[in-house]
Amino acid sequence: MAKSLMVVCGTGIATSTVATGKIKSYLNEQGLASDVHLLQSKIADEVSAIGNGEYDIVVSTTMVPSSIQDKVINGVPLLTGIGADKVLEEIKKQVEA
């Protein structure tokens, strides 16, 4: 069964779209695209769902409440390029887990 990967940003439109594109390309390169169902939203709409564990993997390009920080991968490096490899490797690790 495919894992659900939610990408969130402040509005669910701009930076989450950029991050989703990079994640999708990476998953395609790694042959893992069919193992992941990509979703995209704004953080305000997803805090409760993330807290309840409704997604297998969560990547955020914005600040998240401290109550869910341990469940979220910081996706800002996907925007800056600095440390993006580590973020993608962590995503891969969680997809393959």
PDB file of N, CA and C in Angstrom:
ATOM      1  N   MET A   1       0.835  -1.181   0.000  1.00  0.00           N
ATOM      2  CA  MET A   1       0.000   0.000   0.000  1.00  0.00           C
ATOM      3  C   MET A   1       0.883   1.250   0.000  1.00  0.00           C
ATOM      4  N   ALA A   2       0.481   2.228  -0.803  1.00  0.00           N
ATOM      5  CA  ALA A   2       1.257   3.468  -0.905  1.00  0.00           C
ATOM      6  C   ALA A   2       1.175   4.258   0.388  1.00  0.00           C
ATOM      7  N   LYS A   3       2.283   4.912   0.736  1.00  0.00           N
ATOM      8  CA  LYS A   3       2.312   5.757   1.924  1.00  0.00           C
ATOM      9  C   LYS A   3       1.811   7.148   1.558  1.00  0.00           C
ATOM     10  N   SER A   4       1.161   7.798   2.507  1.00  0.00           N
ATOM     11  CA  SER A   4       0.671   9.157   2.280  1.00  0.00           C
ATOM     12  C   SER A   4       1.740  10.142   2.737  1.00  0.00           C
ATOM     13  N   LEU A   5       2.056  11.075   1.859  1.00  0.00           N
ATOM     14  CA  LEU A   5       3.048  12.103   2.150  1.00  0.00           C
ATOM     15  C   LEU A   5       2.384  13.458   1.977  1.00  0.00           C
ATOM     16  N   MET A   6       2.190  14.159   3.087  1.00  0.00           N
ATOM     17  CA  MET A   6       1.564  15.480   3.061  1.00  0.00           C
ATOM     18  C   MET A   6       2.646  16.555   3.067  1.00  0.00           C
ATOM     19  N   VAL A   7       2.547  17.481   2.123  1.00  0.00           N
ATOM     20  CA  VAL A   7       3.458  18.627   2.077  1.00  0.00           C
ATOM     21  C   VAL A   7       2.628  19.857   2.445  1.00  0.00           C
ATOM     22  N   VAL A   8       3.073  20.572   3.480  1.00  0.00           N
ATOM     23  CA  VAL A   8       2.321  21.745   3.929  1.00  0.00           C
ATOM     24  C   VAL A   8       3.177  23.006   3.886  1.00  0.00           C
ATOM     25  N   CYS A   9       2.498  24.122   3.675  1.00  0.00           N
ATOM     26  CA  CYS A   9       3.136  25.433   3.776  1.00  0.00           C
ATOM     27  C   CYS A   9       2.108  26.369   4.395  1.00  0.00           C
ATOM     28  N   GLY A  10       2.384  27.637   4.418  1.00  0.00           N
ATOM     29  CA  GLY A  10       1.486  28.596   5.045  1.00  0.00           C
ATOM     30  C   GLY A  10       0.134  28.703   4.369  1.00  0.00           C
ATOM     31  N   THR A  11       0.112  28.645   3.046  1.00  0.00           N
ATOM     32  CA  THR A  11      -1.144  28.808   2.311  1.00  0.00           C
ATOM     33  C   THR A  11      -1.571  27.567   1.536  1.00  0.00           C
ATOM     34  N   GLY A  12      -0.678  26.589   1.408  1.00  0.00           N
ATOM     35  CA  GLY A  12      -1.004  25.391   0.637  1.00  0.00           C
ATOM     36  C   GLY A  12      -0.884  25.601  -0.860  1.00  0.00           C
ATOM     37  N   ILE A  13      -0.259  26.719  -1.259  1.00  0.00           N
ATOM     38  CA  ILE A  13      -0.197  27.041  -2.683  1.00  0.00           C
ATOM     39  C   ILE A  13       1.242  27.163  -3.195  1.00  0.00           C
ATOM     40  N   ALA A  14       2.002  28.068  -2.630  1.00  0.00           N
ATOM     41  CA  ALA A  14       3.284  28.433  -3.226  1.00  0.00           C
ATOM     42  C   ALA A  14       4.428  27.482  -2.894  1.00  0.00           C
ATOM     43  N   THR A  15       4.976  27.591  -1.698  1.00  0.00           N
ATOM     44  CA  THR A  15       6.186  26.821  -1.409  1.00  0.00           C
ATOM     45  C   THR A  15       5.922  25.323  -1.320  1.00  0.00           C
ATOM     46  N   SER A  16       4.706  24.948  -0.930  1.00  0.00           N
ATOM     47  CA  SER A  16       4.409  23.509  -0.904  1.00  0.00           C
ATOM     48  C   SER A  16       4.388  22.938  -2.321  1.00  0.00           C
ATOM     49  N   THR A  17       4.012  23.757  -3.288  1.00  0.00           N
ATOM     50  CA  THR A  17       4.015  23.310  -4.688  1.00  0.00           C
ATOM     51  C   THR A  17       5.449  23.077  -5.163  1.00  0.00           C
ATOM     52  N   VAL A  18       6.353  23.973  -4.812  1.00  0.00           N
ATOM     53  CA  VAL A  18       7.766  23.815  -5.181  1.00  0.00           C
ATOM     54  C   VAL A  18       8.337  22.562  -4.525  1.00  0.00           C
ATOM     55  N   ALA A  19       8.083  22.403  -3.228  1.00  0.00           N
ATOM     56  CA  ALA A  19       8.599  21.238  -2.504  1.00  0.00           C
ATOM     57  C   ALA A  19       8.011  19.944  -3.046  1.00  0.00           C
ATOM     58  N   THR A  20       6.719  19.937  -3.331  1.00  0.00           N
ATOM     59  CA  THR A  20       6.071  18.741  -3.879  1.00  0.00           C
ATOM     60  C   THR A  20       6.706  18.350  -5.206  1.00  0.00           C
ATOM     61  N   GLY A  21       6.987  19.323  -6.053  1.00  0.00           N
ATOM     62  CA  GLY A  21       7.624  19.041  -7.338  1.00  0.00           C
ATOM     63  C   GLY A  21       8.988  18.401  -7.174  1.00  0.00           C
ATOM     64  N   LYS A  22       9.779  18.907  -6.234  1.00  0.00           N
ATOM     65  CA  LYS A  22      11.115  18.356  -6.003  1.00  0.00           C
ATOM     66  C   LYS A  22      11.030  16.951  -5.413  1.00  0.00           C
ATOM     67  N   ILE A  23      10.098  16.755  -4.497  1.00  0.00           N
ATOM     68  CA  ILE A  23       9.925  15.433  -3.900  1.00  0.00           C
ATOM     69  C   ILE A  23       9.472  14.434  -4.955  1.00  0.00           C
ATOM     70  N   LYS A  24       8.532  14.844  -5.785  1.00  0.00           N
ATOM     71  CA  LYS A  24       8.015  13.970  -6.844  1.00  0.00           C
ATOM     72  C   LYS A  24       9.130  13.568  -7.815  1.00  0.00           C
ATOM     73  N   SER A  25       9.944  14.526  -8.229  1.00  0.00           N
ATOM     74  CA  SER A  25      11.068  14.231  -9.129  1.00  0.00           C
ATOM     75  C   SER A  25      12.038  13.251  -8.479  1.00  0.00           C
ATOM     76  N   TYR A  26      12.356  13.487  -7.207  1.00  0.00           N
ATOM     77  CA  TYR A  26      13.278  12.616  -6.480  1.00  0.00           C
ATOM     78  C   TYR A  26      12.713  11.203  -6.371  1.00  0.00           C
ATOM     79  N   LEU A  27      11.439  11.089  -6.020  1.00  0.00           N
ATOM     80  CA  LEU A  27      10.825   9.766  -5.894  1.00  0.00           C
ATOM     81  C   LEU A  27      10.819   9.037  -7.236  1.00  0.00           C
ATOM     82  N   ASN A  28      10.588   9.769  -8.325  1.00  0.00           N
ATOM     83  CA  ASN A  28      10.645   9.164  -9.663  1.00  0.00           C
ATOM     84  C   ASN A  28      12.047   8.643  -9.958  1.00  0.00           C
ATOM     85  N   GLU A  29      13.073   9.449  -9.646  1.00  0.00           N
ATOM     86  CA  GLU A  29      14.467   9.044  -9.878  1.00  0.00           C
ATOM     87  C   GLU A  29      14.825   7.799  -9.070  1.00  0.00           C
ATOM     88  N   GLN A  30      14.270   7.688  -7.871  1.00  0.00           N
ATOM     89  CA  GLN A  30      14.576   6.569  -6.980  1.00  0.00           C
ATOM     90  C   GLN A  30      13.687   5.353  -7.242  1.00  0.00           C
ATOM     91  N   GLY A  31      12.737   5.474  -8.172  1.00  0.00           N
ATOM     92  CA  GLY A  31      11.823   4.374  -8.470  1.00  0.00           C
ATOM     93  C   GLY A  31      10.795   4.146  -7.368  1.00  0.00           C
ATOM     94  N   LEU A  32      10.499   5.201  -6.607  1.00  0.00           N
ATOM     95  CA  LEU A  32       9.586   5.072  -5.473  1.00  0.00           C
ATOM     96  C   LEU A  32       8.258   5.813  -5.673  1.00  0.00           C
ATOM     97  N   ALA A  33       8.056   6.404  -6.835  1.00  0.00           N
ATOM     98  CA  ALA A  33       6.871   7.237  -7.047  1.00  0.00           C
ATOM     99  C   ALA A  33       5.571   6.474  -6.822  1.00  0.00           C
ATOM    100  N   SER A  34       5.520   5.225  -7.203  1.00  0.00           N
ATOM    101  CA  SER A  34       4.288   4.450  -7.039  1.00  0.00           C
ATOM    102  C   SER A  34       4.052   4.030  -5.586  1.00  0.00           C
ATOM    103  N   ASP A  35       5.066   4.230  -4.738  1.00  0.00           N
ATOM    104  CA  ASP A  35       4.943   3.866  -3.324  1.00  0.00           C
ATOM    105  C   ASP A  35       4.418   5.005  -2.463  1.00  0.00           C
ATOM    106  N   VAL A  36       4.167   6.165  -3.082  1.00  0.00           N
ATOM    107  CA  VAL A  36       3.789   7.355  -2.315  1.00  0.00           C
ATOM    108  C   VAL A  36       2.599   8.059  -2.955  1.00  0.00           C
ATOM    109  N   HIS A  37       1.649   8.431  -2.107  1.00  0.00           N
ATOM    110  CA  HIS A  37       0.514   9.257  -2.528  1.00  0.00           C
ATOM    111  C   HIS A  37       0.783  10.662  -2.003  1.00  0.00           C
ATOM    112  N   LEU A  38       1.118  11.598  -2.894  1.00  0.00           N
ATOM    113  CA  LEU A  38       1.463  12.969  -2.497  1.00  0.00           C
ATOM    114  C   LEU A  38       0.210  13.815  -2.300  1.00  0.00           C
ATOM    115  N   LEU A  39       0.194  14.543  -1.194  1.00  0.00           N
ATOM    116  CA  LEU A  39      -0.893  15.462  -0.866  1.00  0.00           C
ATOM    117  C   LEU A  39      -0.289  16.822  -0.545  1.00  0.00           C
ATOM    118  N   GLN A  40      -1.103  17.862  -0.636  1.00  0.00           N
ATOM    119  CA  GLN A  40      -0.595  19.214  -0.405  1.00  0.00           C
ATOM    120  C   GLN A  40      -1.689  20.041   0.254  1.00  0.00           C
ATOM    121  N   SER A  41      -1.307  20.851   1.242  1.00  0.00           N
ATOM    122  CA  SER A  41      -2.301  21.651   1.958  1.00  0.00           C
ATOM    123  C   SER A  41      -1.615  22.781   2.712  1.00  0.00           C
ATOM    124  N   LYS A  42      -2.431  23.556   3.442  1.00  0.00           N
ATOM    125  CA  LYS A  42      -1.872  24.585   4.316  1.00  0.00           C
ATOM    126  C   LYS A  42      -1.832  24.042   5.740  1.00  0.00           C
ATOM    127  N   ILE A  43      -0.831  24.456   6.483  1.00  0.00           N
ATOM    128  CA  ILE A  43      -0.593  23.913   7.819  1.00  0.00           C
ATOM    129  C   ILE A  43      -1.806  24.081   8.728  1.00  0.00           C
ATOM    130  N   ALA A  44      -2.487  25.209   8.655  1.00  0.00           N
ATOM    131  CA  ALA A  44      -3.623  25.466   9.540  1.00  0.00           C
ATOM    132  C   ALA A  44      -4.722  24.413   9.401  1.00  0.00           C
ATOM    133  N   ASP A  45      -4.872  23.872   8.202  1.00  0.00           N
ATOM    134  CA  ASP A  45      -5.908  22.868   7.955  1.00  0.00           C
ATOM    135  C   ASP A  45      -5.484  21.462   8.369  1.00  0.00           C
ATOM    136  N   GLU A  46      -4.205  21.251   8.626  1.00  0.00           N
ATOM    137  CA  GLU A  46      -3.695  19.897   8.830  1.00  0.00           C
ATOM    138  C   GLU A  46      -3.130  19.599  10.223  1.00  0.00           C
ATOM    139  N   VAL A  47      -3.052  20.588  11.106  1.00  0.00           N
ATOM    140  CA  VAL A  47      -2.436  20.377  12.423  1.00  0.00           C
ATOM    141  C   VAL A  47      -3.080  19.202  13.151  1.00  0.00           C
ATOM    142  N   SER A  48      -4.387  19.161  13.173  1.00  0.00           N
ATOM    143  CA  SER A  48      -5.099  18.088  13.869  1.00  0.00           C
ATOM    144  C   SER A  48      -4.830  16.733  13.219  1.00  0.00           C
ATOM    145  N   ALA A  49      -4.899  16.664  11.901  1.00  0.00           N
ATOM    146  CA  ALA A  49      -4.668  15.401  11.183  1.00  0.00           C
ATOM    147  C   ALA A  49      -3.235  14.911  11.391  1.00  0.00           C
ATOM    148  N   ILE A  50      -2.275  15.829  11.381  1.00  0.00           N
ATOM    149  CA  ILE A  50      -0.875  15.462  11.612  1.00  0.00           C
ATOM    150  C   ILE A  50      -0.718  14.940  13.038  1.00  0.00           C
ATOM    151  N   GLY A  51      -1.314  15.630  13.986  1.00  0.00           N
ATOM    152  CA  GLY A  51      -1.254  15.213  15.379  1.00  0.00           C
ATOM    153  C   GLY A  51      -1.865  13.842  15.608  1.00  0.00           C
ATOM    154  N   ASN A  52      -2.892  13.529  14.825  1.00  0.00           N
ATOM    155  CA  ASN A  52      -3.569  12.236  14.935  1.00  0.00           C
ATOM    156  C   ASN A  52      -2.886  11.129  14.141  1.00  0.00           C
ATOM    157  N   GLY A  53      -1.809  11.474  13.436  1.00  0.00           N
ATOM    158  CA  GLY A  53      -1.074  10.461  12.674  1.00  0.00           C
ATOM    159  C   GLY A  53      -1.766  10.002  11.409  1.00  0.00           C
ATOM    160  N   GLU A  54      -2.547  10.885  10.790  1.00  0.00           N
ATOM    161  CA  GLU A  54      -3.288  10.509   9.584  1.00  0.00           C
ATOM    162  C   GLU A  54      -2.421  10.389   8.338  1.00  0.00           C
ATOM    163  N   TYR A  55      -1.191  10.907   8.403  1.00  0.00           N
ATOM    164  CA  TYR A  55      -0.275  10.817   7.262  1.00  0.00           C
ATOM    165  C   TYR A  55       0.956  10.035   7.684  1.00  0.00           C
ATOM    166  N   ASP A  56       1.497   9.278   6.750  1.00  0.00           N
ATOM    167  CA  ASP A  56       2.705   8.505   7.045  1.00  0.00           C
ATOM    168  C   ASP A  56       3.928   9.405   7.146  1.00  0.00           C
ATOM    169  N   ILE A  57       3.975  10.431   6.273  1.00  0.00           N
ATOM    170  CA  ILE A  57       5.121  11.344   6.210  1.00  0.00           C
ATOM    171  C   ILE A  57       4.574  12.755   6.034  1.00  0.00           C
ATOM    172  N   VAL A  58       5.154  13.716   6.754  1.00  0.00           N
ATOM    173  CA  VAL A  58       4.747  15.114   6.614  1.00  0.00           C
ATOM    174  C   VAL A  58       6.004  15.954   6.411  1.00  0.00           C
ATOM    175  N   VAL A  59       5.977  16.807   5.389  1.00  0.00           N
ATOM    176  CA  VAL A  59       7.060  17.734   5.101  1.00  0.00           C
ATOM    177  C   VAL A  59       6.463  19.135   5.134  1.00  0.00           C
ATOM    178  N   SER A  60       7.109  20.044   5.865  1.00  0.00           N
ATOM    179  CA  SER A  60       6.597  21.402   5.977  1.00  0.00           C
ATOM    180  C   SER A  60       7.636  22.429   5.565  1.00  0.00           C
ATOM    181  N   THR A  61       7.176  23.446   4.832  1.00  0.00           N
ATOM    182  CA  THR A  61       8.055  24.545   4.447  1.00  0.00           C
ATOM    183  C   THR A  61       7.756  25.782   5.284  1.00  0.00           C
ATOM    184  N   THR A  62       6.996  25.610   6.351  1.00  0.00           N
ATOM    185  CA  THR A  62       6.657  26.710   7.245  1.00  0.00           C
ATOM    186  C   THR A  62       6.800  26.238   8.683  1.00  0.00           C
ATOM    187  N   MET A  63       6.687  27.168   9.618  1.00  0.00           N
ATOM    188  CA  MET A  63       6.755  26.802  11.032  1.00  0.00           C
ATOM    189  C   MET A  63       5.533  25.965  11.394  1.00  0.00           C
ATOM    190  N   VAL A  64       5.750  24.975  12.258  1.00  0.00           N
ATOM    191  CA  VAL A  64       4.652  24.146  12.726  1.00  0.00           C
ATOM    192  C   VAL A  64       4.564  24.247  14.247  1.00  0.00           C
ATOM    193  N   PRO A  65       3.375  24.039  14.810  1.00  0.00           N
ATOM    194  CA  PRO A  65       3.237  24.091  16.269  1.00  0.00           C
ATOM    195  C   PRO A  65       4.151  23.070  16.943  1.00  0.00           C
ATOM    196  N   SER A  66       4.626  23.417  18.124  1.00  0.00           N
ATOM    197  CA  SER A  66       5.546  22.530  18.839  1.00  0.00           C
ATOM    198  C   SER A  66       4.932  21.172  19.131  1.00  0.00           C
ATOM    199  N   SER A  67       3.615  21.099  19.217  1.00  0.00           N
ATOM    200  CA  SER A  67       2.940  19.837  19.520  1.00  0.00           C
ATOM    201  C   SER A  67       3.107  18.784  18.431  1.00  0.00           C
ATOM    202  N   ILE A  68       3.445  19.203  17.207  1.00  0.00           N
ATOM    203  CA  ILE A  68       3.595  18.235  16.107  1.00  0.00           C
ATOM    204  C   ILE A  68       4.989  18.246  15.484  1.00  0.00           C
ATOM    205  N   GLN A  69       5.908  19.051  16.008  1.00  0.00           N
ATOM    206  CA  GLN A  69       7.230  19.181  15.395  1.00  0.00           C
ATOM    207  C   GLN A  69       7.950  17.853  15.217  1.00  0.00           C
ATOM    208  N   ASP A  70       7.798  16.931  16.170  1.00  0.00           N
ATOM    209  CA  ASP A  70       8.510  15.664  16.077  1.00  0.00           C
ATOM    210  C   ASP A  70       7.959  14.749  14.996  1.00  0.00           C
ATOM    211  N   LYS A  71       6.822  15.102  14.406  1.00  0.00           N
ATOM    212  CA  LYS A  71       6.209  14.290  13.353  1.00  0.00           C
ATOM    213  C   LYS A  71       6.427  14.874  11.960  1.00  0.00           C
ATOM    214  N   VAL A  72       7.160  15.989  11.896  1.00  0.00           N
ATOM    215  CA  VAL A  72       7.273  16.748  10.649  1.00  0.00           C
ATOM    216  C   VAL A  72       8.729  16.905  10.224  1.00  0.00           C
ATOM    217  N   ILE A  73       8.982  16.670   8.937  1.00  0.00           N
ATOM    218  CA  ILE A  73      10.303  16.910   8.352  1.00  0.00           C
ATOM    219  C   ILE A  73      10.341  18.362   7.891  1.00  0.00           C
ATOM    220  N   ASN A  74      11.391  19.081   8.273  1.00  0.00           N
ATOM    221  CA  ASN A  74      11.563  20.472   7.846  1.00  0.00           C
ATOM    222  C   ASN A  74      11.922  20.476   6.356  1.00  0.00           C
ATOM    223  N   GLY A  75      11.028  21.025   5.531  1.00  0.00           N
ATOM    224  CA  GLY A  75      11.231  21.034   4.089  1.00  0.00           C
ATOM    225  C   GLY A  75      11.850  22.297   3.538  1.00  0.00           C
ATOM    226  N   VAL A  76      12.222  23.254   4.394  1.00  0.00           N
ATOM    227  CA  VAL A  76      12.805  24.513   3.918  1.00  0.00           C
ATOM    228  C   VAL A  76      14.050  24.274   3.052  1.00  0.00           C
ATOM    229  N   PRO A  77      14.913  23.299   3.387  1.00  0.00           N
ATOM    230  CA  PRO A  77      16.066  23.057   2.520  1.00  0.00           C
ATOM    231  C   PRO A  77      15.697  22.723   1.069  1.00  0.00           C
ATOM    232  N   LEU A  78      14.502  22.231   0.835  1.00  0.00           N
ATOM    233  CA  LEU A  78      14.068  21.964  -0.543  1.00  0.00           C
ATOM    234  C   LEU A  78      13.892  23.271  -1.312  1.00  0.00           C
ATOM    235  N   LEU A  79      13.676  24.360  -0.590  1.00  0.00           N
ATOM    236  CA  LEU A  79      13.509  25.670  -1.230  1.00  0.00           C
ATOM    237  C   LEU A  79      14.844  26.372  -1.399  1.00  0.00           C
ATOM    238  N   THR A  80      15.715  26.234  -0.401  1.00  0.00           N
ATOM    239  CA  THR A  80      16.992  26.941  -0.434  1.00  0.00           C
ATOM    240  C   THR A  80      18.072  26.158  -1.170  1.00  0.00           C
ATOM    241  N   GLY A  81      17.920  24.835  -1.200  1.00  0.00           N
ATOM    242  CA  GLY A  81      18.938  23.983  -1.807  1.00  0.00           C
ATOM    243  C   GLY A  81      20.011  23.552  -0.821  1.00  0.00           C
ATOM    244  N   ILE A  82      20.104  24.241   0.307  1.00  0.00           N
ATOM    245  CA  ILE A  82      21.121  23.922   1.305  1.00  0.00           C
ATOM    246  C   ILE A  82      20.585  22.831   2.228  1.00  0.00           C
ATOM    247  N   GLY A  83      21.148  21.652   2.116  1.00  0.00           N
ATOM    248  CA  GLY A  83      20.691  20.529   2.929  1.00  0.00           C
ATOM    249  C   GLY A  83      19.537  19.757   2.325  1.00  0.00           C
ATOM    250  N   ALA A  84      19.193  20.052   1.079  1.00  0.00           N
ATOM    251  CA  ALA A  84      18.073  19.375   0.426  1.00  0.00           C
ATOM    252  C   ALA A  84      18.301  17.867   0.332  1.00  0.00           C
ATOM    253  N   ASP A  85      19.542  17.453   0.098  1.00  0.00           N
ATOM    254  CA  ASP A  85      19.840  16.024  -0.009  1.00  0.00           C
ATOM    255  C   ASP A  85      19.462  15.277   1.259  1.00  0.00           C
ATOM    256  N   LYS A  86      19.739  15.876   2.413  1.00  0.00           N
ATOM    257  CA  LYS A  86      19.408  15.232   3.686  1.00  0.00           C
ATOM    258  C   LYS A  86      17.902  15.078   3.843  1.00  0.00           C
ATOM    259  N   VAL A  87      17.157  16.081   3.433  1.00  0.00           N
ATOM    260  CA  VAL A  87      15.696  16.021   3.519  1.00  0.00           C
ATOM    261  C   VAL A  87      15.179  14.907   2.618  1.00  0.00           C
ATOM    262  N   LEU A  88      15.669  14.853   1.398  1.00  0.00           N
ATOM    263  CA  LEU A  88      15.221  13.828   0.455  1.00  0.00           C
ATOM    264  C   LEU A  88      15.603  12.431   0.937  1.00  0.00           C
ATOM    265  N   GLU A  89      16.777  12.297   1.518  1.00  0.00           N
ATOM    266  CA  GLU A  89      17.196  10.999   2.064  1.00  0.00           C
ATOM    267  C   GLU A  89      16.287  10.572   3.213  1.00  0.00           C
ATOM    268  N   GLU A  90      15.889  11.525   4.065  1.00  0.00           N
ATOM    269  CA  GLU A  90      14.980  11.211   5.170  1.00  0.00           C
ATOM    270  C   GLU A  90      13.617  10.775   4.637  1.00  0.00           C
ATOM    271  N   ILE A  91      13.149  11.444   3.602  1.00  0.00           N
ATOM    272  CA  ILE A  91      11.871  11.058   2.973  1.00  0.00           C
ATOM    273  C   ILE A  91      11.985   9.637   2.431  1.00  0.00           C
ATOM    274  N   LYS A  92      13.073   9.356   1.721  1.00  0.00           N
ATOM    275  CA  LYS A  92      13.286   8.022   1.153  1.00  0.00           C
ATOM    276  C   LYS A  92      13.295   6.969   2.256  1.00  0.00           C
ATOM    277  N   LYS A  93      13.990   7.264   3.344  1.00  0.00           N
ATOM    278  CA  LYS A  93      14.084   6.335   4.472  1.00  0.00           C
ATOM    279  C   LYS A  93      12.678   6.028   5.021  1.00  0.00           C
ATOM    280  N   GLN A  94      11.858   7.043   5.151  1.00  0.00           N
ATOM    281  CA  GLN A  94      10.514   6.840   5.680  1.00  0.00           C
ATOM    282  C   GLN A  94       9.604   6.123   4.686  1.00  0.00           C
ATOM    283  N   VAL A  95       9.795   6.367   3.405  1.00  0.00           N
ATOM    284  CA  VAL A  95       9.006   5.665   2.387  1.00  0.00           C
ATOM    285  C   VAL A  95       9.336   4.180   2.414  1.00  0.00           C
ATOM    286  N   GLU A  96      10.615   3.868   2.561  1.00  0.00           N
ATOM    287  CA  GLU A  96      11.062   2.478   2.518  1.00  0.00           C
ATOM    288  C   GLU A  96      10.842   1.738   3.847  1.00  0.00           C
ATOM    289  N   ALA A  97      10.544   2.469   4.909  1.00  0.00           N
ATOM    290  CA  ALA A  97      10.371   1.847   6.232  1.00  0.00           C
ATOM    291  C   ALA A  97       9.139   0.968   6.284  1.00  0.00           C
TER     292      ALA A  97
END
